Amino acid sequence: MVLFFFSDLIDIIIQESNKSFNFYQMNQTLEQLVGQLIIAGFRGTEASPNSSIAKYIQEYNLAGVILYDEDVKIGGLGSRNIHSEEQLKELTNQLQSFSRDGLLISIDQEGGSVNRLKLEYGFPEISSWNHMGFLDNDLMTKQFSQTIAMYLSDCGINMNFAPVLDLHYGPETVIGKTGRAISSNPKTVINHARIFCQFMKEMNIIPCGKHFPGQGTASGDTHERYTDISDSWTVRDLLPFDELIQSGDLDMIMVSHTFDDKLDPEFPASLSKEIISTVLRQDLGFSGVVICDDPSMKAISDHYDLETTIELMLNAGIDLFCLGNNLNYDPDYIPNSVEAMVSLVNNRKVLENRIQESIERINQLKSNYNIHG
C-alpha cells in the first residue's frame, strides 16, 4: 500500500514537472526562443546588472557568450574582456548570475597565436598546437591539455573552440603560418586531438573541433575575404572529423566559411545544407551541436546581408551562432540578429520546429556537461 502510494506520488511529480516545463516553453517570447541559439560577444571586463550583455542574457535567454582578451578596434592587451585571473573569475560569475538556464561561456584557447589567457595577465605561457605536433609526444600533449583545461575551469569557462582539426599544409596557408595546425598526418591530428578532448571533458569543458570540412589548404583568410579551396581540398581533410565523430570524442563542431565547389557549387560551408545536413549529419553521422564561425567575417558579410545569412545557416542545419562582434563592432549586433531570426520565423522562412531541433541539441549538450541555471 505504501509502495503503491509512493509510486503514484512519483508519477504525479513527473507529470507536474513536465507541465511546468511545457508552461515555461509556451510562455517564452519568440525572442527568448531564438536567443537560445546565440553565443554573444561583448565589450567590458565586468558585467553589471545594467550592462547590455546582462540585458541580452535576461531578455533573450542567450545560450552563451564568447570572451576575448583584445578588442580588434580598440587594440591592446586587456582591451576586451580579460586582464587578470581574478577579474575573469568575477566576470564569469557575474555572467552566470543573469542566466536562468546556465550559460555556455566560451573562448578560443588553442595555444600559441590563438591564446586569450596570456602570460601578461598572469597565466602560464602555452605552446602552439603546431609545436605539440612537432614534439609528437602523448605525455607532452596531456600536460598541454591539462594546463589549458585547469585554467579554463578555474576561471568559469565551460566551452573551448579547440582543437583545430585542419591538416598542416605549410607556411603558405593561413592556418599553417600561424602555427594552428598540428600535423599533415591525419593520424597524428586524431591522436593528439583525442587527448585534448578527453582532458577538456574531464574538467566539464566542451571541446569544439574546427573548422569543418577542413580549411587547412586555404591560402586566403575568411576573416578578410571570400576563400575558395575547391582546387586544394580533398576527402583526406575530412579524416580527423570522421574518426573523432565515430569514436564519440566530439560533441560540437564549428563549420568554416570556406567555399568548395566539389561539395557545394553554390554556398560556402557554413551556409550549405549539402555540407552540414548531408555530409556532416547523414554521411558522418554527427548528432551533436553544429556552430558557425562568426558570420561577420568578410567571407560571408561582404556577400550576404544579416537576415539572408541567418536564414541560409538555419535551414542548412546550424544550431548555434557565434556572434563574436569583435571584427567590426556593432552595439546593435545582438538585437539585430534576434530581430532577424524572429522575422524569419514569423514569415515562415524558417520553421519554428527547426529552431526547436537546435534548442534540444543545445540543452542536451548543457545537460551532458552539467551546465544549468
Protein backbone atom coordinates (compact mmCIF):
# COMPACT_ATOMS: atom_id res chain seq x y z
CA MET A 1 0.00 0.00 0.00
CA VAL A 2 2.80 2.41 0.95
CA LEU A 3 4.82 1.39 -2.14
CA PHE A 4 1.77 1.90 -4.35
CA PHE A 5 1.20 5.38 -2.89
CA PHE A 6 4.88 6.28 -3.34
CA SER A 7 4.80 5.17 -7.00
CA ASP A 8 1.68 7.28 -7.63
CA LEU A 9 3.35 10.25 -5.95
CA ILE A 10 6.41 9.96 -8.21
CA ASP A 11 4.15 9.85 -11.29
CA ILE A 12 2.34 12.99 -10.14
CA ILE A 13 5.63 14.82 -9.53
CA ILE A 14 6.90 13.88 -13.01
CA GLN A 15 3.63 14.97 -14.63
CA GLU A 16 3.66 18.31 -12.81
CA SER A 17 7.31 18.82 -13.71
CA ASN A 18 6.52 18.23 -17.38
CA LYS A 19 3.59 20.63 -17.14
CA SER A 20 5.85 23.27 -15.63
CA PHE A 21 8.42 22.74 -18.37
CA ASN A 22 5.77 22.95 -21.09
CA PHE A 23 4.27 26.04 -19.44
CA TYR A 24 7.72 27.64 -19.37
CA GLN A 25 8.32 26.77 -23.03
CA MET A 26 4.90 28.08 -24.08
CA ASN A 27 5.36 31.33 -22.19
CA GLN A 28 8.69 32.21 -23.74
CA THR A 29 8.62 35.06 -26.20
CA LEU A 30 9.83 34.32 -29.71
CA GLU A 31 12.88 36.48 -28.89
CA GLN A 32 13.66 34.20 -25.94
CA LEU A 33 13.24 31.16 -28.14
CA VAL A 34 15.67 32.22 -30.87
CA GLY A 35 18.03 33.79 -28.32
CA GLN A 36 18.88 30.27 -27.17
CA LEU A 37 20.81 29.84 -30.44
CA ILE A 38 23.17 32.76 -29.84
CA ILE A 39 26.68 32.96 -28.41
CA ALA A 40 27.28 36.70 -27.95
CA GLY A 41 30.45 38.74 -27.84
CA PHE A 42 30.50 41.96 -25.82
CA ARG A 43 32.77 44.71 -24.56
CA GLY A 44 33.74 45.02 -20.92
CA THR A 45 35.82 43.39 -18.20
CA GLU A 46 32.84 43.30 -15.86
CA ALA A 47 29.11 42.75 -16.30
CA SER A 48 26.94 44.92 -14.08
CA PRO A 49 23.18 44.32 -13.88
CA ASN A 50 22.72 47.43 -16.06
CA SER A 51 25.13 46.31 -18.78
CA SER A 52 23.98 45.48 -22.31
CA ILE A 53 25.19 41.89 -22.02
CA ALA A 54 23.20 41.37 -18.79
CA LYS A 55 20.12 42.74 -20.55
CA TYR A 56 20.62 40.44 -23.55
CA ILE A 57 21.17 37.35 -21.40
CA GLN A 58 17.96 38.04 -19.49
CA GLU A 59 15.70 39.39 -22.24
CA TYR A 60 16.78 36.98 -24.99
CA ASN A 61 17.74 33.99 -22.83
CA LEU A 62 21.07 33.74 -24.68
CA ALA A 63 22.77 30.36 -25.00
CA GLY A 64 26.10 31.85 -24.05
CA VAL A 65 28.90 34.34 -24.54
CA ILE A 66 32.35 34.37 -26.11
CA LEU A 67 35.29 36.07 -24.39
CA TYR A 68 38.28 37.78 -25.99
CA ASP A 69 41.24 39.46 -24.36
CA GLU A 70 41.86 42.02 -27.11
CA ASP A 71 39.34 44.22 -28.90
CA VAL A 72 40.20 44.46 -32.60
CA LYS A 73 39.02 48.08 -32.95
CA ILE A 74 40.32 49.39 -29.64
CA GLY A 75 43.57 47.40 -29.74
CA GLY A 76 45.97 46.49 -26.97
CA LEU A 77 46.27 43.86 -24.24
CA GLY A 78 43.25 43.55 -21.97
CA SER A 79 41.11 45.84 -24.12
CA ARG A 80 38.12 43.50 -24.32
CA ASN A 81 37.10 41.04 -21.55
CA ILE A 82 40.25 39.73 -19.84
CA HIS A 83 43.05 41.35 -17.90
CA SER A 84 43.69 39.04 -14.92
CA GLU A 85 42.70 35.67 -13.49
CA GLU A 86 40.74 37.10 -10.55
CA GLN A 87 38.95 39.60 -12.79
CA LEU A 88 37.99 36.81 -15.20
CA LYS A 89 36.58 34.64 -12.41
CA GLU A 90 34.46 37.54 -11.22
CA LEU A 91 33.25 38.27 -14.75
CA THR A 92 32.13 34.69 -15.43
CA ASN A 93 30.35 34.55 -12.07
CA GLN A 94 28.51 37.77 -12.91
CA LEU A 95 27.51 36.47 -16.32
CA GLN A 96 26.20 33.16 -14.97
CA SER A 97 24.11 35.01 -12.37
CA PHE A 98 21.99 36.56 -15.14
CA SER A 99 21.09 33.26 -16.83
CA ARG A 100 18.22 31.03 -15.79
CA ASP A 101 19.33 28.07 -17.95
CA GLY A 102 23.10 28.25 -17.46
CA LEU A 103 25.44 29.96 -19.91
CA LEU A 104 27.89 28.45 -22.31
CA ILE A 105 30.92 30.62 -21.56
CA SER A 106 33.27 30.15 -24.48
CA ILE A 107 36.75 31.11 -25.58
CA ASP A 108 39.34 30.37 -28.28
CA GLN A 109 42.16 28.83 -26.27
CA GLU A 110 44.19 26.87 -28.80
CA GLY A 111 47.60 27.95 -27.52
CA GLY A 112 50.31 29.81 -29.42
CA SER A 113 48.96 32.68 -31.53
CA VAL A 114 45.33 31.97 -30.55
CA ASN A 115 45.71 32.34 -26.82
CA ARG A 116 43.31 34.50 -24.80
CA LEU A 117 44.81 33.63 -21.40
CA LYS A 118 48.18 35.29 -21.91
CA LEU A 119 51.31 35.41 -19.80
CA GLU A 120 50.76 39.18 -19.44
CA TYR A 121 47.55 38.52 -17.49
CA GLY A 122 49.23 36.11 -15.08
CA PHE A 123 48.56 32.84 -16.90
CA PRO A 124 51.27 30.33 -17.89
CA GLU A 125 52.74 30.51 -21.36
CA ILE A 126 51.06 27.99 -23.69
CA SER A 127 52.82 26.48 -26.70
CA SER A 128 51.18 26.41 -30.11
CA TRP A 129 49.18 23.43 -31.37
CA ASN A 130 51.76 23.14 -34.15
CA HIS A 131 54.58 22.85 -31.59
CA MET A 132 52.73 19.96 -29.94
CA GLY A 133 52.74 18.23 -33.32
CA PHE A 134 56.46 18.87 -33.70
CA LEU A 135 57.04 17.18 -30.32
CA ASP A 136 54.52 14.42 -31.17
CA ASN A 137 54.66 13.20 -27.59
CA ASP A 138 51.49 11.98 -25.87
CA LEU A 139 52.75 12.94 -22.42
CA MET A 140 53.52 16.49 -23.51
CA THR A 141 50.10 16.82 -25.16
CA LYS A 142 48.47 15.57 -21.95
CA GLN A 143 50.33 18.22 -19.94
CA PHE A 144 49.45 20.89 -22.52
CA SER A 145 45.76 19.91 -22.49
CA GLN A 146 45.56 19.54 -18.72
CA THR A 147 47.04 23.01 -18.16
CA ILE A 148 44.54 24.64 -20.52
CA ALA A 149 41.60 22.70 -19.04
CA MET A 150 42.59 23.51 -15.47
CA TYR A 151 42.80 27.26 -16.04
CA LEU A 152 39.61 27.41 -18.07
CA SER A 153 37.69 25.51 -15.41
CA ASP A 154 39.15 27.60 -12.61
CA CYS A 155 38.04 30.78 -14.41
CA GLY A 156 34.48 29.57 -15.00
CA ILE A 157 34.84 28.89 -18.75
CA ASN A 158 32.99 25.78 -19.93
CA MET A 159 33.49 25.76 -23.71
CA ASN A 160 36.69 25.88 -25.73
CA PHE A 161 36.73 26.42 -29.51
CA ALA A 162 39.54 23.91 -29.92
CA PRO A 163 41.08 21.61 -31.05
CA VAL A 164 41.90 22.66 -34.60
CA LEU A 165 41.46 19.57 -36.80
CA ASP A 166 42.70 21.19 -40.01
CA LEU A 167 45.67 19.45 -41.59
CA HIS A 168 49.01 21.26 -41.90
CA TYR A 169 49.81 22.28 -45.49
CA GLY A 170 52.80 24.51 -44.84
CA PRO A 171 53.54 28.17 -44.08
CA GLU A 172 51.88 29.47 -47.25
CA THR A 173 48.47 28.65 -45.77
CA VAL A 174 46.67 30.81 -43.20
CA ILE A 175 46.33 28.02 -40.64
CA GLY A 176 49.88 26.79 -41.25
CA LYS A 177 51.73 30.08 -40.97
CA THR A 178 50.05 30.95 -37.66
CA GLY A 179 51.02 27.64 -36.03
CA ARG A 180 47.44 26.49 -35.63
CA ALA A 181 47.71 23.15 -37.47
CA ILE A 182 49.30 20.28 -35.56
CA SER A 183 50.34 17.94 -38.39
CA SER A 184 49.96 17.00 -42.05
CA ASN A 185 49.32 13.41 -40.95
CA PRO A 186 45.63 12.75 -40.14
CA LYS A 187 46.58 10.01 -37.66
CA THR A 188 48.75 12.43 -35.68
CA VAL A 189 45.96 15.02 -35.66
CA ILE A 190 43.46 12.42 -34.45
CA ASN A 191 45.70 11.08 -31.70
CA HIS A 192 46.57 14.45 -30.14
CA ALA A 193 43.09 15.92 -30.65
CA ARG A 194 41.60 12.93 -28.82
CA ILE A 195 43.91 13.54 -25.86
CA PHE A 196 42.96 17.22 -25.89
CA CYS A 197 39.22 16.46 -25.97
CA GLN A 198 39.48 13.93 -23.16
CA PHE A 199 41.19 16.39 -20.81
CA MET A 200 38.64 19.11 -21.63
CA LYS A 201 35.81 16.70 -20.87
CA GLU A 202 37.35 15.60 -17.59
CA MET A 203 37.05 19.23 -16.43
CA ASN A 204 33.49 19.57 -17.82
CA ILE A 205 34.67 21.82 -20.64
CA ILE A 206 33.11 21.33 -24.06
CA PRO A 207 35.73 20.90 -26.79
CA CYS A 208 34.80 22.07 -30.27
CA GLY A 209 36.52 20.58 -33.32
CA LYS A 210 37.15 23.07 -36.12
CA HIS A 211 36.98 24.08 -38.98
CA PHE A 212 34.70 21.59 -40.81
CA PRO A 213 35.09 20.30 -43.52
CA GLY A 214 38.77 21.25 -43.11
CA GLN A 215 40.33 24.55 -44.15
CA GLY A 216 44.00 23.64 -43.82
CA THR A 217 44.64 24.21 -47.54
CA ALA A 218 43.24 27.76 -47.55
CA SER A 219 45.68 30.49 -48.53
CA GLY A 220 43.00 33.15 -48.04
CA ASP A 221 41.67 34.27 -44.65
CA THR A 222 37.89 34.04 -44.19
CA HIS A 223 38.11 36.93 -41.69
CA GLU A 224 39.15 39.17 -44.58
CA ARG A 225 37.72 37.76 -47.83
CA TYR A 226 35.93 35.05 -49.76
CA THR A 227 38.05 31.89 -49.56
CA ASP A 228 37.86 29.22 -52.26
CA ILE A 229 39.53 25.86 -51.57
CA SER A 230 37.97 23.98 -54.49
CA ASP A 231 41.32 23.19 -56.10
CA SER A 232 43.10 22.11 -52.91
CA TRP A 233 40.64 20.41 -50.55
CA THR A 234 40.41 16.60 -50.63
CA VAL A 235 38.49 13.93 -48.73
CA ARG A 236 41.67 13.44 -46.69
CA ASP A 237 40.82 16.71 -44.88
CA LEU A 238 37.67 15.04 -43.50
CA LEU A 239 39.53 12.17 -41.82
CA PRO A 240 40.16 13.78 -38.39
CA PHE A 241 36.50 14.85 -38.15
CA ASP A 242 35.23 11.46 -39.27
CA GLU A 243 37.38 9.45 -36.86
CA LEU A 244 36.63 11.66 -33.84
CA ILE A 245 32.91 11.62 -34.60
CA GLN A 246 32.86 7.82 -34.84
CA SER A 247 34.77 7.48 -31.54
CA GLY A 248 32.38 9.86 -29.74
CA ASP A 249 35.07 12.41 -28.87
CA LEU A 250 33.28 15.38 -30.44
CA ASP A 251 30.05 16.86 -29.08
CA MET A 252 30.43 20.13 -31.00
CA ILE A 253 31.84 21.06 -34.40
CA MET A 254 32.49 24.50 -35.88
CA VAL A 255 31.83 24.90 -39.60
CA SER A 256 34.08 27.17 -41.65
CA HIS A 257 33.19 29.83 -44.21
CA THR A 258 35.34 28.28 -46.94
CA PHE A 259 33.90 27.51 -50.38
CA ASP A 260 34.47 24.23 -52.24
CA ASP A 261 32.53 23.65 -55.44
CA LYS A 262 33.10 19.87 -55.16
CA LEU A 263 30.97 19.82 -52.01
CA ASP A 264 28.53 22.61 -52.85
CA PRO A 265 28.67 24.57 -56.13
CA GLU A 266 26.66 27.48 -54.69
CA PHE A 267 27.30 28.13 -50.98
CA PRO A 268 30.23 28.31 -48.53
CA ALA A 269 30.28 25.52 -45.93
CA SER A 270 28.56 27.48 -43.15
CA LEU A 271 25.58 28.26 -45.42
CA SER A 272 25.46 24.86 -47.11
CA LYS A 273 22.71 22.34 -46.40
CA GLU A 274 24.61 19.85 -48.53
CA ILE A 275 27.74 20.11 -46.35
CA ILE A 276 26.06 20.39 -42.93
CA SER A 277 22.93 18.27 -43.21
CA THR A 278 24.14 15.75 -45.80
CA VAL A 279 27.90 15.34 -45.34
CA LEU A 280 28.25 16.10 -41.61
CA ARG A 281 24.92 14.83 -40.29
CA GLN A 282 23.98 11.99 -42.66
CA ASP A 283 27.27 10.74 -44.10
CA LEU A 284 29.43 11.12 -40.99
CA GLY A 285 26.59 10.57 -38.50
CA PHE A 286 27.26 13.62 -36.32
CA SER A 287 24.39 14.19 -33.89
CA GLY A 288 25.94 16.90 -31.71
CA VAL A 289 25.81 20.69 -31.87
CA VAL A 290 26.95 22.49 -35.03
CA ILE A 291 28.16 26.06 -34.58
CA CYS A 292 29.12 28.53 -37.31
CA ASP A 293 32.25 30.61 -37.36
CA ASP A 294 31.38 34.30 -36.86
CA PRO A 295 29.03 35.43 -39.71
CA SER A 296 30.54 38.93 -39.56
CA MET A 297 33.71 37.59 -41.19
CA LYS A 298 34.06 39.17 -44.63
CA ALA A 299 33.89 35.83 -46.44
CA ILE A 300 30.19 35.97 -45.53
CA SER A 301 29.28 39.56 -44.64
CA ASP A 302 30.64 41.00 -47.91
CA HIS A 303 28.28 38.77 -49.90
CA TYR A 304 25.13 38.27 -47.80
CA ASP A 305 23.06 40.56 -45.59
CA LEU A 306 22.44 39.51 -41.98
CA GLU A 307 18.92 38.13 -42.39
CA THR A 308 19.80 36.16 -45.52
CA THR A 309 22.88 34.76 -43.78
CA ILE A 310 20.87 33.60 -40.78
CA GLU A 311 18.12 32.14 -42.98
CA LEU A 312 20.58 30.11 -45.02
CA MET A 313 22.52 28.96 -41.95
CA LEU A 314 19.44 27.84 -40.02
CA ASN A 315 17.98 25.98 -42.98
CA ALA A 316 21.39 24.42 -43.66
CA GLY A 317 21.46 22.99 -40.12
CA ILE A 318 23.45 25.41 -37.96
CA ASP A 319 22.45 25.12 -34.28
CA LEU A 320 24.49 27.85 -32.62
CA PHE A 321 25.57 31.25 -33.91
CA CYS A 322 28.92 32.58 -32.74
CA LEU A 323 28.30 36.33 -32.89
CA GLY A 324 31.68 37.47 -31.58
CA ASN A 325 31.17 41.12 -32.62
CA ASN A 326 34.91 41.76 -32.49
CA LEU A 327 35.78 42.45 -36.14
CA ASN A 328 33.55 45.44 -36.91
CA TYR A 329 31.97 46.20 -33.55
CA ASP A 330 28.26 47.00 -33.74
CA PRO A 331 26.44 47.80 -30.48
CA ASP A 332 23.19 46.57 -32.05
CA TYR A 333 24.57 43.32 -33.50
CA ILE A 334 22.83 41.04 -30.97
CA PRO A 335 19.36 42.69 -31.02
CA ASN A 336 19.54 42.97 -34.83
CA SER A 337 20.35 39.26 -35.07
CA VAL A 338 17.48 38.35 -32.75
CA GLU A 339 15.15 40.59 -34.75
CA ALA A 340 16.25 38.90 -37.99
CA MET A 341 15.58 35.43 -36.54
CA VAL A 342 12.15 36.49 -35.27
CA SER A 343 11.29 37.93 -38.69
CA LEU A 344 12.34 34.69 -40.40
CA VAL A 345 10.13 32.60 -38.11
CA ASN A 346 7.17 34.98 -38.40
CA ASN A 347 7.44 34.94 -42.18
CA ARG A 348 7.86 31.14 -42.16
CA LYS A 349 11.18 31.33 -43.99
CA VAL A 350 12.47 29.28 -41.06
CA LEU A 351 10.07 26.90 -39.30
CA GLU A 352 9.80 27.01 -35.52
CA ASN A 353 10.43 23.26 -35.28
CA ARG A 354 13.82 23.89 -36.97
CA ILE A 355 14.60 26.23 -34.03
CA GLN A 356 13.34 23.64 -31.53
CA GLU A 357 15.59 20.94 -33.00
CA SER A 358 18.63 23.10 -32.30
CA ILE A 359 17.44 24.02 -28.81
CA GLU A 360 17.05 20.32 -27.97
CA ARG A 361 20.64 19.62 -29.09
CA ILE A 362 21.97 22.62 -27.14
CA ASN A 363 20.05 21.66 -23.99
CA GLN A 364 21.32 18.09 -24.25
CA LEU A 365 24.87 19.41 -24.58
CA LYS A 366 24.42 21.58 -21.47
CA SER A 367 22.99 18.64 -19.56
CA ASN A 368 25.88 16.38 -20.59
CA TYR A 369 28.37 18.91 -19.21
CA ASN A 370 26.37 19.79 -16.09
CA ILE A 371 25.67 23.35 -17.20
CA HIS A 372 22.47 24.65 -15.66
CA GLY A 373 20.98 27.73 -14.05
